[in-house]
Amino acid sequence: MPLSEHEQRLLDQIERALYAEDPKFASTVRGGRLRRPSRRRRIQGVVLFVVGVVALVMGLVFIQALSPGGFPVVSVIGFLMMFAGAVLAITATGGKKGEAAAGEGDGKAAPAGEKDKSRFTT
């Protein structure tokens, strides 16, 4: 449900006050957004998952020939590959997060908030 115009203005004022009082905390809280993984990362994750499925099945098919003592080592490695591929495909890296947090936490956000505050204060 979208906020009304009045509620949006109040929220903006609260955010600016938070930035003015504690810019480091505000940038830490603001940086907690979830991002989508890149297309390349999703493709890599899917490929690793499929290779893991193949290794899992092949480890079970050739359990006697490939594994000492009947333990499905190849299958376990395949499962781990599947898990790593799934994690890779659904998570995003935090590469730009550190740069954005460093830029916000250096006190540059407070003057911009002060400039915008004059627009809403009458």
PDB file of N, CA and C in Angstrom:
ATOM      1  N   MET A   1       0.851  -1.173   0.000  1.00  0.00           N
ATOM      2  CA  MET A   1       0.000   0.000   0.000  1.00  0.00           C
ATOM      3  C   MET A   1       0.893   1.231   0.000  1.00  0.00           C
ATOM      4  N   PRO A   2       0.739   2.094  -0.989  1.00  0.00           N
ATOM      5  CA  PRO A   2       1.586   3.282  -1.061  1.00  0.00           C
ATOM      6  C   PRO A   2       1.230   4.286   0.029  1.00  0.00           C
ATOM      7  N   LEU A   3       2.244   5.060   0.406  1.00  0.00           N
ATOM      8  CA  LEU A   3       2.042   6.087   1.424  1.00  0.00           C
ATOM      9  C   LEU A   3       1.378   7.311   0.802  1.00  0.00           C
ATOM     10  N   SER A   4       0.600   8.016   1.619  1.00  0.00           N
ATOM     11  CA  SER A   4       0.020   9.262   1.141  1.00  0.00           C
ATOM     12  C   SER A   4       1.129  10.309   1.035  1.00  0.00           C
ATOM     13  N   GLU A   5       0.819  11.413   0.410  1.00  0.00           N
ATOM     14  CA  GLU A   5       1.816  12.465   0.221  1.00  0.00           C
ATOM     15  C   GLU A   5       2.290  13.017   1.568  1.00  0.00           C
ATOM     16  N   HIS A   6       1.359  13.203   2.487  1.00  0.00           N
ATOM     17  CA  HIS A   6       1.713  13.703   3.823  1.00  0.00           C
ATOM     18  C   HIS A   6       2.607  12.704   4.567  1.00  0.00           C
ATOM     19  N   GLU A   7       2.258  11.422   4.497  1.00  0.00           N
ATOM     20  CA  GLU A   7       3.072  10.393   5.163  1.00  0.00           C
ATOM     21  C   GLU A   7       4.463  10.306   4.551  1.00  0.00           C
ATOM     22  N   GLN A   8       4.550  10.450   3.244  1.00  0.00           N
ATOM     23  CA  GLN A   8       5.849  10.413   2.573  1.00  0.00           C
ATOM     24  C   GLN A   8       6.712  11.592   3.004  1.00  0.00           C
ATOM     25  N   ARG A   9       6.121  12.783   3.140  1.00  0.00           N
ATOM     26  CA  ARG A   9       6.867  13.955   3.615  1.00  0.00           C
ATOM     27  C   ARG A   9       7.365  13.740   5.039  1.00  0.00           C
ATOM     28  N   LEU A  10       6.501  13.194   5.903  1.00  0.00           N
ATOM     29  CA  LEU A  10       6.924  12.928   7.276  1.00  0.00           C
ATOM     30  C   LEU A  10       8.068  11.920   7.319  1.00  0.00           C
ATOM     31  N   LEU A  11       7.975  10.885   6.518  1.00  0.00           N
ATOM     32  CA  LEU A  11       9.037   9.888   6.459  1.00  0.00           C
ATOM     33  C   LEU A  11      10.344  10.505   5.973  1.00  0.00           C
ATOM     34  N   ASP A  12      10.267  11.366   4.967  1.00  0.00           N
ATOM     35  CA  ASP A  12      11.472  12.045   4.473  1.00  0.00           C
ATOM     36  C   ASP A  12      12.094  12.922   5.549  1.00  0.00           C
ATOM     37  N   GLN A  13      11.268  13.612   6.313  1.00  0.00           N
ATOM     38  CA  GLN A  13      11.786  14.464   7.393  1.00  0.00           C
ATOM     39  C   GLN A  13      12.452  13.626   8.473  1.00  0.00           C
ATOM     40  N   ILE A  14      11.854  12.500   8.814  1.00  0.00           N
ATOM     41  CA  ILE A  14      12.446  11.610   9.831  1.00  0.00           C
ATOM     42  C   ILE A  14      13.782  11.077   9.335  1.00  0.00           C
ATOM     43  N   GLU A  15      13.845  10.694   8.070  1.00  0.00           N
ATOM     44  CA  GLU A  15      15.105  10.196   7.514  1.00  0.00           C
ATOM     45  C   GLU A  15      16.191  11.268   7.544  1.00  0.00           C
ATOM     46  N   ARG A  16      15.846  12.490   7.153  1.00  0.00           N
ATOM     47  CA  ARG A  16      16.835  13.577   7.175  1.00  0.00           C
ATOM     48  C   ARG A  16      17.314  13.862   8.592  1.00  0.00           C
ATOM     49  N   ALA A  17      16.398  13.815   9.559  1.00  0.00           N
ATOM     50  CA  ALA A  17      16.792  14.047  10.950  1.00  0.00           C
ATOM     51  C   ALA A  17      17.745  12.946  11.418  1.00  0.00           C
ATOM     52  N   LEU A  18      17.479  11.719  11.018  1.00  0.00           N
ATOM     53  CA  LEU A  18      18.364  10.613  11.385  1.00  0.00           C
ATOM     54  C   LEU A  18      19.743  10.802  10.765  1.00  0.00           C
ATOM     55  N   TYR A  19      19.797  11.201   9.495  1.00  0.00           N
ATOM     56  CA  TYR A  19      21.095  11.448   8.849  1.00  0.00           C
ATOM     57  C   TYR A  19      21.845  12.576   9.539  1.00  0.00           C
ATOM     58  N   ALA A  20      21.110  13.620   9.940  1.00  0.00           N
ATOM     59  CA  ALA A  20      21.763  14.756  10.593  1.00  0.00           C
ATOM     60  C   ALA A  20      22.315  14.374  11.958  1.00  0.00           C
ATOM     61  N   GLU A  21      21.592  13.552  12.716  1.00  0.00           N
ATOM     62  CA  GLU A  21      22.021  13.181  14.060  1.00  0.00           C
ATOM     63  C   GLU A  21      23.136  12.151  14.066  1.00  0.00           C
ATOM     64  N   ASP A  22      23.001  11.128  13.238  1.00  0.00           N
ATOM     65  CA  ASP A  22      23.987  10.038  13.256  1.00  0.00           C
ATOM     66  C   ASP A  22      24.168   9.485  11.843  1.00  0.00           C
ATOM     67  N   PRO A  23      25.003  10.124  11.024  1.00  0.00           N
ATOM     68  CA  PRO A  23      25.153   9.671   9.636  1.00  0.00           C
ATOM     69  C   PRO A  23      25.749   8.274   9.513  1.00  0.00           C
ATOM     70  N   LYS A  24      26.618   7.898  10.446  1.00  0.00           N
ATOM     71  CA  LYS A  24      27.226   6.559  10.372  1.00  0.00           C
ATOM     72  C   LYS A  24      26.174   5.476  10.586  1.00  0.00           C
ATOM     73  N   PHE A  25      25.333   5.644  11.601  1.00  0.00           N
ATOM     74  CA  PHE A  25      24.266   4.672  11.861  1.00  0.00           C
ATOM     75  C   PHE A  25      23.277   4.646  10.699  1.00  0.00           C
ATOM     76  N   ALA A  26      22.923   5.817  10.188  1.00  0.00           N
ATOM     77  CA  ALA A  26      21.960   5.886   9.090  1.00  0.00           C
ATOM     78  C   ALA A  26      22.475   5.167   7.854  1.00  0.00           C
ATOM     79  N   SER A  27      23.765   5.326   7.552  1.00  0.00           N
ATOM     80  CA  SER A  27      24.300   4.644   6.374  1.00  0.00           C
ATOM     81  C   SER A  27      24.380   3.147   6.592  1.00  0.00           C
ATOM     82  N   THR A  28      24.617   2.720   7.835  1.00  0.00           N
ATOM     83  CA  THR A  28      24.641   1.294   8.141  1.00  0.00           C
ATOM     84  C   THR A  28      23.254   0.681   7.961  1.00  0.00           C
ATOM     85  N   VAL A  29      22.239   1.352   8.463  1.00  0.00           N
ATOM     86  CA  VAL A  29      20.865   0.853   8.345  1.00  0.00           C
ATOM     87  C   VAL A  29      20.407   0.881   6.894  1.00  0.00           C
ATOM     88  N   ARG A  30      20.749   1.931   6.182  1.00  0.00           N
ATOM     89  CA  ARG A  30      20.328   2.052   4.796  1.00  0.00           C
ATOM     90  C   ARG A  30      20.984   1.003   3.908  1.00  0.00           C
ATOM     91  N   GLY A  31      22.200   0.553   4.231  1.00  0.00           N
ATOM     92  CA  GLY A  31      22.919  -0.406   3.411  1.00  0.00           C
ATOM     93  C   GLY A  31      22.402  -1.821   3.506  1.00  0.00           C
ATOM     94  N   GLY A  32      21.357  -2.080   4.274  1.00  0.00           N
ATOM     95  CA  GLY A  32      20.866  -3.428   4.473  1.00  0.00           C
ATOM     96  C   GLY A  32      19.899  -3.929   3.410  1.00  0.00           C
ATOM     97  N   ARG A  33      19.811  -3.260   2.286  1.00  0.00           N
ATOM     98  CA  ARG A  33      18.882  -3.704   1.244  1.00  0.00           C
ATOM     99  C   ARG A  33      19.407  -4.948   0.539  1.00  0.00           C
ATOM    100  N   LEU A  34      18.473  -5.758   0.091  1.00  0.00           N
ATOM    101  CA  LEU A  34      18.849  -6.949  -0.669  1.00  0.00           C
ATOM    102  C   LEU A  34      18.961  -6.592  -2.145  1.00  0.00           C
ATOM    103  N   ARG A  35      19.971  -7.106  -2.770  1.00  0.00           N
ATOM    104  CA  ARG A  35      20.167  -6.864  -4.192  1.00  0.00           C
ATOM    105  C   ARG A  35      20.035  -8.179  -4.949  1.00  0.00           C
ATOM    106  N   ARG A  36      19.659  -8.061  -6.201  1.00  0.00           N
ATOM    107  CA  ARG A  36      19.567  -9.243  -7.049  1.00  0.00           C
ATOM    108  C   ARG A  36      20.955  -9.620  -7.528  1.00  0.00           C
ATOM    109  N   PRO A  37      21.225 -10.915  -7.628  1.00  0.00           N
ATOM    110  CA  PRO A  37      22.522 -11.316  -8.183  1.00  0.00           C
ATOM    111  C   PRO A  37      22.598 -10.969  -9.664  1.00  0.00           C
ATOM    112  N   SER A  38      23.809 -10.772 -10.130  1.00  0.00           N
ATOM    113  CA  SER A  38      23.985 -10.439 -11.542  1.00  0.00           C
ATOM    114  C   SER A  38      23.625 -11.648 -12.411  1.00  0.00           C
ATOM    115  N   ARG A  39      23.392 -11.374 -13.663  1.00  0.00           N
ATOM    116  CA  ARG A  39      23.032 -12.441 -14.609  1.00  0.00           C
ATOM    117  C   ARG A  39      24.167 -13.462 -14.720  1.00  0.00           C
ATOM    118  N   ARG A  40      25.398 -12.977 -14.767  1.00  0.00           N
ATOM    119  CA  ARG A  40      26.552 -13.868 -14.886  1.00  0.00           C
ATOM    120  C   ARG A  40      26.649 -14.783 -13.658  1.00  0.00           C
ATOM    121  N   ARG A  41      26.422 -14.215 -12.484  1.00  0.00           N
ATOM    122  CA  ARG A  41      26.493 -14.999 -11.250  1.00  0.00           C
ATOM    123  C   ARG A  41      25.391 -16.065 -11.210  1.00  0.00           C
ATOM    124  N   ARG A  42      24.198 -15.710 -11.666  1.00  0.00           N
ATOM    125  CA  ARG A  42      23.114 -16.710 -11.704  1.00  0.00           C
ATOM    126  C   ARG A  42      23.431 -17.837 -12.669  1.00  0.00           C
ATOM    127  N   ILE A  43      23.976 -17.503 -13.827  1.00  0.00           N
ATOM    128  CA  ILE A  43      24.325 -18.542 -14.808  1.00  0.00           C
ATOM    129  C   ILE A  43      25.411 -19.454 -14.252  1.00  0.00           C
ATOM    130  N   GLN A  44      26.426 -18.870 -13.613  1.00  0.00           N
ATOM    131  CA  GLN A  44      27.479 -19.679 -13.004  1.00  0.00           C
ATOM    132  C   GLN A  44      26.902 -20.614 -11.939  1.00  0.00           C
ATOM    133  N   GLY A  45      25.975 -20.104 -11.136  1.00  0.00           N
ATOM    134  CA  GLY A  45      25.357 -20.923 -10.099  1.00  0.00           C
ATOM    135  C   GLY A  45      24.554 -22.079 -10.675  1.00  0.00           C
ATOM    136  N   VAL A  46      23.800 -21.802 -11.728  1.00  0.00           N
ATOM    137  CA  VAL A  46      22.997 -22.863 -12.360  1.00  0.00           C
ATOM    138  C   VAL A  46      23.907 -23.923 -12.978  1.00  0.00           C
ATOM    139  N   VAL A  47      24.977 -23.489 -13.648  1.00  0.00           N
ATOM    140  CA  VAL A  47      25.903 -24.455 -14.256  1.00  0.00           C
ATOM    141  C   VAL A  47      26.554 -25.311 -13.174  1.00  0.00           C
ATOM    142  N   LEU A  48      26.993 -24.696 -12.084  1.00  0.00           N
ATOM    143  CA  LEU A  48      27.602 -25.461 -10.997  1.00  0.00           C
ATOM    144  C   LEU A  48      26.589 -26.431 -10.391  1.00  0.00           C
ATOM    145  N   PHE A  49      25.332 -26.012 -10.265  1.00  0.00           N
ATOM    146  CA  PHE A  49      24.294 -26.891  -9.729  1.00  0.00           C
ATOM    147  C   PHE A  49      24.084 -28.102 -10.632  1.00  0.00           C
ATOM    148  N   VAL A  50      24.017 -27.873 -11.943  1.00  0.00           N
ATOM    149  CA  VAL A  50      23.804 -28.980 -12.888  1.00  0.00           C
ATOM    150  C   VAL A  50      24.990 -29.941 -12.871  1.00  0.00           C
ATOM    151  N   VAL A  51      26.218 -29.411 -12.821  1.00  0.00           N
ATOM    152  CA  VAL A  51      27.404 -30.279 -12.735  1.00  0.00           C
ATOM    153  C   VAL A  51      27.360 -31.080 -11.433  1.00  0.00           C
ATOM    154  N   GLY A  52      26.891 -30.456 -10.363  1.00  0.00           N
ATOM    155  CA  GLY A  52      26.747 -31.172  -9.103  1.00  0.00           C
ATOM    156  C   GLY A  52      25.734 -32.300  -9.179  1.00  0.00           C
ATOM    157  N   VAL A  53      24.620 -32.066  -9.873  1.00  0.00           N
ATOM    158  CA  VAL A  53      23.611 -33.129 -10.044  1.00  0.00           C
ATOM    159  C   VAL A  53      24.208 -34.298 -10.822  1.00  0.00           C
ATOM    160  N   VAL A  54      24.951 -33.989 -11.878  1.00  0.00           N
ATOM    161  CA  VAL A  54      25.584 -35.044 -12.679  1.00  0.00           C
ATOM    162  C   VAL A  54      26.570 -35.834 -11.821  1.00  0.00           C
ATOM    163  N   ALA A  55      27.381 -35.125 -11.024  1.00  0.00           N
ATOM    164  CA  ALA A  55      28.345 -35.810 -10.154  1.00  0.00           C
ATOM    165  C   ALA A  55      27.633 -36.655  -9.103  1.00  0.00           C
ATOM    166  N   LEU A  56      26.537 -36.167  -8.573  1.00  0.00           N
ATOM    167  CA  LEU A  56      25.770 -36.919  -7.582  1.00  0.00           C
ATOM    168  C   LEU A  56      25.260 -38.230  -8.170  1.00  0.00           C
ATOM    169  N   VAL A  57      24.662 -38.145  -9.341  1.00  0.00           N
ATOM    170  CA  VAL A  57      24.112 -39.345  -9.982  1.00  0.00           C
ATOM    171  C   VAL A  57      25.226 -40.301 -10.405  1.00  0.00           C
ATOM    172  N   MET A  58      26.277 -39.770 -10.990  1.00  0.00           N
ATOM    173  CA  MET A  58      27.383 -40.634 -11.418  1.00  0.00           C
ATOM    174  C   MET A  58      28.055 -41.306 -10.222  1.00  0.00           C
ATOM    175  N   GLY A  59      28.143 -40.592  -9.119  1.00  0.00           N
ATOM    176  CA  GLY A  59      28.714 -41.197  -7.918  1.00  0.00           C
ATOM    177  C   GLY A  59      27.880 -42.360  -7.416  1.00  0.00           C
ATOM    178  N   LEU A  60      26.565 -42.258  -7.554  1.00  0.00           N
ATOM    179  CA  LEU A  60      25.702 -43.360  -7.136  1.00  0.00           C
ATOM    180  C   LEU A  60      25.737 -44.518  -8.124  1.00  0.00           C
ATOM    181  N   VAL A  61      25.843 -44.206  -9.407  1.00  0.00           N
ATOM    182  CA  VAL A  61      25.875 -45.247 -10.425  1.00  0.00           C
ATOM    183  C   VAL A  61      27.169 -46.052 -10.328  1.00  0.00           C
ATOM    184  N   PHE A  62      28.274 -45.355 -10.160  1.00  0.00           N
ATOM    185  CA  PHE A  62      29.575 -46.017 -10.136  1.00  0.00           C
ATOM    186  C   PHE A  62      30.156 -46.086  -8.728  1.00  0.00           C
ATOM    187  N   ILE A  63      29.326 -46.363  -7.745  1.00  0.00           N
ATOM    188  CA  ILE A  63      29.762 -46.339  -6.345  1.00  0.00           C
ATOM    189  C   ILE A  63      30.879 -47.349  -6.068  1.00  0.00           C
ATOM    190  N   GLN A  64      30.805 -48.507  -6.656  1.00  0.00           N
ATOM    191  CA  GLN A  64      31.819 -49.529  -6.388  1.00  0.00           C
ATOM    192  C   GLN A  64      33.136 -49.221  -7.098  1.00  0.00           C
ATOM    193  N   ALA A  65      33.064 -48.687  -8.293  1.00  0.00           N
ATOM    194  CA  ALA A  65      34.281 -48.461  -9.073  1.00  0.00           C
ATOM    195  C   ALA A  65      35.033 -47.199  -8.632  1.00  0.00           C
ATOM    196  N   LEU A  66      34.306 -46.148  -8.237  1.00  0.00           N
ATOM    197  CA  LEU A  66      34.948 -44.879  -7.946  1.00  0.00           C
ATOM    198  C   LEU A  66      35.251 -44.639  -6.472  1.00  0.00           C
ATOM    199  N   SER A  67      34.557 -45.324  -5.585  1.00  0.00           N
ATOM    200  CA  SER A  67      34.684 -45.021  -4.164  1.00  0.00           C
ATOM    201  C   SER A  67      35.288 -46.186  -3.396  1.00  0.00           C
ATOM    202  N   PRO A  68      36.280 -45.918  -2.576  1.00  0.00           N
ATOM    203  CA  PRO A  68      36.850 -46.983  -1.750  1.00  0.00           C
ATOM    204  C   PRO A  68      35.896 -47.357  -0.623  1.00  0.00           C
ATOM    205  N   GLY A  69      35.694 -48.620  -0.434  1.00  0.00           N
ATOM    206  CA  GLY A  69      34.851 -49.103   0.659  1.00  0.00           C
ATOM    207  C   GLY A  69      33.371 -48.877   0.467  1.00  0.00           C
ATOM    208  N   GLY A  70      32.948 -48.498  -0.697  1.00  0.00           N
ATOM    209  CA  GLY A  70      31.522 -48.316  -0.962  1.00  0.00           C
ATOM    210  C   GLY A  70      30.969 -46.982  -0.507  1.00  0.00           C
ATOM    211  N   PHE A  71      31.790 -46.058  -0.010  1.00  0.00           N
ATOM    212  CA  PHE A  71      31.310 -44.738   0.420  1.00  0.00           C
ATOM    213  C   PHE A  71      31.200 -43.817  -0.795  1.00  0.00           C
ATOM    214  N   PRO A  72      30.078 -43.178  -0.992  1.00  0.00           N
ATOM    215  CA  PRO A  72      29.857 -42.367  -2.207  1.00  0.00           C
ATOM    216  C   PRO A  72      30.540 -40.996  -2.131  1.00  0.00           C
ATOM    217  N   VAL A  73      31.857 -40.994  -2.242  1.00  0.00           N
ATOM    218  CA  VAL A  73      32.627 -39.748  -2.156  1.00  0.00           C
ATOM    219  C   VAL A  73      32.238 -38.790  -3.283  1.00  0.00           C
ATOM    220  N   VAL A  74      32.121 -39.305  -4.487  1.00  0.00           N
ATOM    221  CA  VAL A  74      31.784 -38.464  -5.639  1.00  0.00           C
ATOM    222  C   VAL A  74      30.377 -37.871  -5.460  1.00  0.00           C
ATOM    223  N   SER A  75      29.472 -38.640  -4.894  1.00  0.00           N
ATOM    224  CA  SER A  75      28.119 -38.141  -4.658  1.00  0.00           C
ATOM    225  C   SER A  75      28.113 -37.024  -3.621  1.00  0.00           C
ATOM    226  N   VAL A  76      28.904 -37.177  -2.588  1.00  0.00           N
ATOM    227  CA  VAL A  76      28.990 -36.132  -1.564  1.00  0.00           C
ATOM    228  C   VAL A  76      29.573 -34.850  -2.165  1.00  0.00           C
ATOM    229  N   ILE A  77      30.606 -34.993  -2.969  1.00  0.00           N
ATOM    230  CA  ILE A  77      31.185 -33.825  -3.646  1.00  0.00           C
ATOM    231  C   ILE A  77      30.157 -33.201  -4.586  1.00  0.00           C
ATOM    232  N   GLY A  78      29.388 -34.027  -5.273  1.00  0.00           N
ATOM    233  CA  GLY A  78      28.328 -33.517  -6.149  1.00  0.00           C
ATOM    234  C   GLY A  78      27.267 -32.752  -5.378  1.00  0.00           C
ATOM    235  N   PHE A  79      26.892 -33.265  -4.206  1.00  0.00           N
ATOM    236  CA  PHE A  79      25.917 -32.553  -3.381  1.00  0.00           C
ATOM    237  C   PHE A  79      26.473 -31.198  -2.939  1.00  0.00           C
ATOM    238  N   LEU A  80      27.727 -31.167  -2.527  1.00  0.00           N
ATOM    239  CA  LEU A  80      28.338 -29.910  -2.107  1.00  0.00           C
ATOM    240  C   LEU A  80      28.397 -28.912  -3.270  1.00  0.00           C
ATOM    241  N   MET A  81      28.662 -29.427  -4.464  1.00  0.00           N
ATOM    242  CA  MET A  81      28.662 -28.564  -5.647  1.00  0.00           C
ATOM    243  C   MET A  81      27.259 -28.018  -5.917  1.00  0.00           C
ATOM    244  N   MET A  82      26.248 -28.849  -5.744  1.00  0.00           N
ATOM    245  CA  MET A  82      24.871 -28.397  -5.922  1.00  0.00           C
ATOM    246  C   MET A  82      24.534 -27.295  -4.923  1.00  0.00           C
ATOM    247  N   PHE A  83      24.924 -27.489  -3.681  1.00  0.00           N
ATOM    248  CA  PHE A  83      24.660 -26.501  -2.637  1.00  0.00           C
ATOM    249  C   PHE A  83      25.367 -25.177  -2.953  1.00  0.00           C
ATOM    250  N   ALA A  84      26.643 -25.273  -3.327  1.00  0.00           N
ATOM    251  CA  ALA A  84      27.405 -24.067  -3.653  1.00  0.00           C
ATOM    252  C   ALA A  84      26.802 -23.353  -4.861  1.00  0.00           C
ATOM    253  N   GLY A  85      26.352 -24.099  -5.845  1.00  0.00           N
ATOM    254  CA  GLY A  85      25.721 -23.497  -7.020  1.00  0.00           C
ATOM    255  C   GLY A  85      24.432 -22.779  -6.669  1.00  0.00           C
ATOM    256  N   ALA A  86      23.634 -23.374  -5.795  1.00  0.00           N
ATOM    257  CA  ALA A  86      22.391 -22.725  -5.372  1.00  0.00           C
ATOM    258  C   ALA A  86      22.682 -21.436  -4.612  1.00  0.00           C
ATOM    259  N   VAL A  87      23.652 -21.484  -3.714  1.00  0.00           N
ATOM    260  CA  VAL A  87      24.020 -20.282  -2.957  1.00  0.00           C
ATOM    261  C   VAL A  87      24.549 -19.210  -3.906  1.00  0.00           C
ATOM    262  N   LEU A  88      25.360 -19.598  -4.840  1.00  0.00           N
ATOM    263  CA  LEU A  88      25.924 -18.661  -5.806  1.00  0.00           C
ATOM    264  C   LEU A  88      24.828 -18.011  -6.640  1.00  0.00           C
ATOM    265  N   ALA A  89      23.820 -18.791  -7.020  1.00  0.00           N
ATOM    266  CA  ALA A  89      22.771 -18.279  -7.894  1.00  0.00           C
ATOM    267  C   ALA A  89      21.799 -17.344  -7.183  1.00  0.00           C
ATOM    268  N   ILE A  90      21.601 -17.505  -5.882  1.00  0.00           N
ATOM    269  CA  ILE A  90      20.578 -16.696  -5.207  1.00  0.00           C
ATOM    270  C   ILE A  90      21.129 -15.558  -4.370  1.00  0.00           C
ATOM    271  N   THR A  91      22.436 -15.487  -4.192  1.00  0.00           N
ATOM    272  CA  THR A  91      22.990 -14.399  -3.386  1.00  0.00           C
ATOM    273  C   THR A  91      23.717 -13.403  -4.271  1.00  0.00           C
ATOM    274  N   ALA A  92      23.767 -12.171  -3.790  1.00  0.00           N
ATOM    275  CA  ALA A  92      24.491 -11.120  -4.490  1.00  0.00           C
ATOM    276  C   ALA A  92      25.748 -10.778  -3.710  1.00  0.00           C
ATOM    277  N   THR A  93      26.766 -10.352  -4.426  1.00  0.00           N
ATOM    278  CA  THR A  93      27.994  -9.957  -3.757  1.00  0.00           C
ATOM    279  C   THR A  93      27.837  -8.555  -3.206  1.00  0.00           C
ATOM    280  N   GLY A  94      28.608  -8.224  -2.201  1.00  0.00           N
ATOM    281  CA  GLY A  94      28.544  -6.910  -1.591  1.00  0.00           C
ATOM    282  C   GLY A  94      29.623  -5.988  -2.082  1.00  0.00           C
ATOM    283  N   GLY A  95      30.079  -6.112  -3.303  1.00  0.00           N
ATOM    284  CA  GLY A  95      31.183  -5.313  -3.820  1.00  0.00           C
ATOM    285  C   GLY A  95      30.917  -3.818  -3.797  1.00  0.00           C
ATOM    286  N   LYS A  96      29.753  -3.374  -4.211  1.00  0.00           N
ATOM    287  CA  LYS A  96      29.458  -1.947  -4.257  1.00  0.00           C
ATOM    288  C   LYS A  96      28.940  -1.439  -2.925  1.00  0.00           C
ATOM    289  N   LYS A  97      28.528  -2.319  -2.042  1.00  0.00           N
ATOM    290  CA  LYS A  97      27.970  -1.910  -0.760  1.00  0.00           C
ATOM    291  C   LYS A  97      28.998  -1.170   0.075  1.00  0.00           C
ATOM    292  N   GLY A  98      30.203  -1.654   0.132  1.00  0.00           N
ATOM    293  CA  GLY A  98      31.244  -1.017   0.919  1.00  0.00           C
ATOM    294  C   GLY A  98      31.587   0.355   0.391  1.00  0.00           C
ATOM    295  N   GLU A  99      31.608   0.516  -0.923  1.00  0.00           N
ATOM    296  CA  GLU A  99      31.902   1.813  -1.509  1.00  0.00           C
ATOM    297  C   GLU A  99      30.798   2.809  -1.207  1.00  0.00           C
ATOM    298  N   ALA A 100      29.536   2.367  -1.295  1.00  0.00           N
ATOM    299  CA  ALA A 100      28.422   3.268  -1.028  1.00  0.00           C
ATOM    300  C   ALA A 100      28.388   3.663   0.444  1.00  0.00           C
ATOM    301  N   ALA A 101      28.633   2.721   1.331  1.00  0.00           N
ATOM    302  CA  ALA A 101      28.613   3.028   2.759  1.00  0.00           C
ATOM    303  C   ALA A 101      29.747   3.969   3.109  1.00  0.00           C
ATOM    304  N   ALA A 102      30.903   3.817   2.487  1.00  0.00           N
ATOM    305  CA  ALA A 102      32.032   4.697   2.777  1.00  0.00           C
ATOM    306  C   ALA A 102      31.736   6.109   2.307  1.00  0.00           C
ATOM    307  N   GLY A 103      31.059   6.261   1.189  1.00  0.00           N
ATOM    308  CA  GLY A 103      30.728   7.587   0.688  1.00  0.00           C
ATOM    309  C   GLY A 103      29.671   8.279   1.526  1.00  0.00           C
ATOM    310  N   GLU A 104      28.737   7.537   2.104  1.00  0.00           N
ATOM    311  CA  GLU A 104      27.682   8.123   2.902  1.00  0.00           C
ATOM    312  C   GLU A 104      28.143   8.436   4.310  1.00  0.00           C
ATOM    313  N   GLY A 105      29.051   7.664   4.838  1.00  0.00           N
ATOM    314  CA  GLY A 105      29.445   7.813   6.224  1.00  0.00           C
ATOM    315  C   GLY A 105      30.471   8.897   6.460  1.00  0.00           C
ATOM    316  N   ASP A 106      30.908   9.627   5.448  1.00  0.00           N
ATOM    317  CA  ASP A 106      31.951  10.618   5.651  1.00  0.00           C
ATOM    318  C   ASP A 106      31.412  12.015   5.933  1.00  0.00           C
ATOM    319  N   GLY A 107      30.118  12.124   6.223  1.00  0.00           N
ATOM    320  CA  GLY A 107      29.547  13.408   6.599  1.00  0.00           C
ATOM    321  C   GLY A 107      28.986  14.184   5.421  1.00  0.00           C
ATOM    322  N   LYS A 108      29.026  13.668   4.235  1.00  0.00           N
ATOM    323  CA  LYS A 108      28.517  14.380   3.069  1.00  0.00           C
ATOM    324  C   LYS A 108      26.994  14.358   3.012  1.00  0.00           C
ATOM    325  N   ALA A 109      26.342  13.431   3.713  1.00  0.00           N
ATOM    326  CA  ALA A 109      24.889  13.320   3.659  1.00  0.00           C
ATOM    327  C   ALA A 109      24.205  14.412   4.469  1.00  0.00           C
ATOM    328  N   ALA A 110      24.821  14.926   5.516  1.00  0.00           N
ATOM    329  CA  ALA A 110      24.185  15.919   6.372  1.00  0.00           C
ATOM    330  C   ALA A 110      23.913  17.235   5.649  1.00  0.00           C
ATOM    331  N   PRO A 111      24.857  17.822   4.887  1.00  0.00           N
ATOM    332  CA  PRO A 111      24.534  19.066   4.203  1.00  0.00           C
ATOM    333  C   PRO A 111      23.414  18.908   3.182  1.00  0.00           C
ATOM    334  N   ALA A 112      23.379  17.809   2.473  1.00  0.00           N
ATOM    335  CA  ALA A 112      22.308  17.595   1.501  1.00  0.00           C
ATOM    336  C   ALA A 112      20.978  17.513   2.216  1.00  0.00           C
ATOM    337  N   GLY A 113      20.941  16.884   3.372  1.00  0.00           N
ATOM    338  CA  GLY A 113      19.711  16.792   4.154  1.00  0.00           C
ATOM    339  C   GLY A 113      19.276  18.155   4.641  1.00  0.00           C
ATOM    340  N   GLU A 114      20.229  19.007   5.019  1.00  0.00           N
ATOM    341  CA  GLU A 114      19.901  20.347   5.460  1.00  0.00           C
ATOM    342  C   GLU A 114      19.318  21.176   4.322  1.00  0.00           C
ATOM    343  N   LYS A 115      19.867  21.002   3.119  1.00  0.00           N
ATOM    344  CA  LYS A 115      19.365  21.741   1.970  1.00  0.00           C
ATOM    345  C   LYS A 115      17.939  21.318   1.650  1.00  0.00           C
ATOM    346  N   ASP A 116      17.651  20.016   1.709  1.00  0.00           N
ATOM    347  CA  ASP A 116      16.317  19.519   1.417  1.00  0.00           C
ATOM    348  C   ASP A 116      15.333  19.877   2.515  1.00  0.00           C
ATOM    349  N   LYS A 117      15.816  20.007   3.749  1.00  0.00           N
ATOM    350  CA  LYS A 117      14.924  20.294   4.874  1.00  0.00           C
ATOM    351  C   LYS A 117      14.257  21.650   4.685  1.00  0.00           C
ATOM    352  N   SER A 118      14.965  22.640   4.139  1.00  0.00           N
ATOM    353  CA  SER A 118      14.401  23.964   3.962  1.00  0.00           C
ATOM    354  C   SER A 118      13.214  23.942   3.002  1.00  0.00           C
ATOM    355  N   ARG A 119      13.157  22.972   2.137  1.00  0.00           N
ATOM    356  CA  ARG A 119      12.077  22.856   1.190  1.00  0.00           C
ATOM    357  C   ARG A 119      10.756  22.509   1.871  1.00  0.00           C
ATOM    358  N   PHE A 120      10.796  21.726   2.977  1.00  0.00           N
ATOM    359  CA  PHE A 120       9.587  21.266   3.630  1.00  0.00           C
ATOM    360  C   PHE A 120       9.238  22.093   4.861  1.00  0.00           C
ATOM    361  N   THR A 121      10.128  22.895   5.349  1.00  0.00           N
ATOM    362  CA  THR A 121       9.877  23.664   6.555  1.00  0.00           C
ATOM    363  C   THR A 121       9.319  25.037   6.150  1.00  0.00           C
ATOM    364  N   THR A 122       8.157  25.392   6.723  1.00  0.00           N
ATOM    365  CA  THR A 122       7.587  26.705   6.439  1.00  0.00           C
ATOM    366  C   THR A 122       7.223  27.423   7.696  1.00  0.00           C
TER     367      THR A 122
END
